[in-house]
Amino acid sequence: MRIEAYTQIQQLYNTSKAGKTQKTTNKSFKDAVQISSAGKDFQTAKAAAFAAPDIREDVTAPIKQAVQSGSYDVSSDDFAEKLLEKYSALLG
């Protein structure tokens, strides 16, 4: 039996225990965040989208007025064609 190998291993364990008993000092770390230019562009676009109204009155007001006055005419052929296009896209 080799006792020398046992004492060498024991010395390794003793040195690692000494490192664990050292007192830690309280260090203050400060976090920092950097946002890339793409991230800044995304934030700007997101803010603009949230600020935009849900309904564009400049587009919907003339249509709404035409519907209320009864002068809004929808071609049944155009309506059927658009309906079939949407249906085909859903199946497709």
Foldseek 3Di string as FASTA:
>chain_A
DDVVVVVVVVVVVVVVVVVVPDDDDDDDDDDDDDDDPVRVVVVVVVVVVVPDDPDDCVVVVVVVVCVVVVNDDDDPVVVVVVVVVVVVVVVD
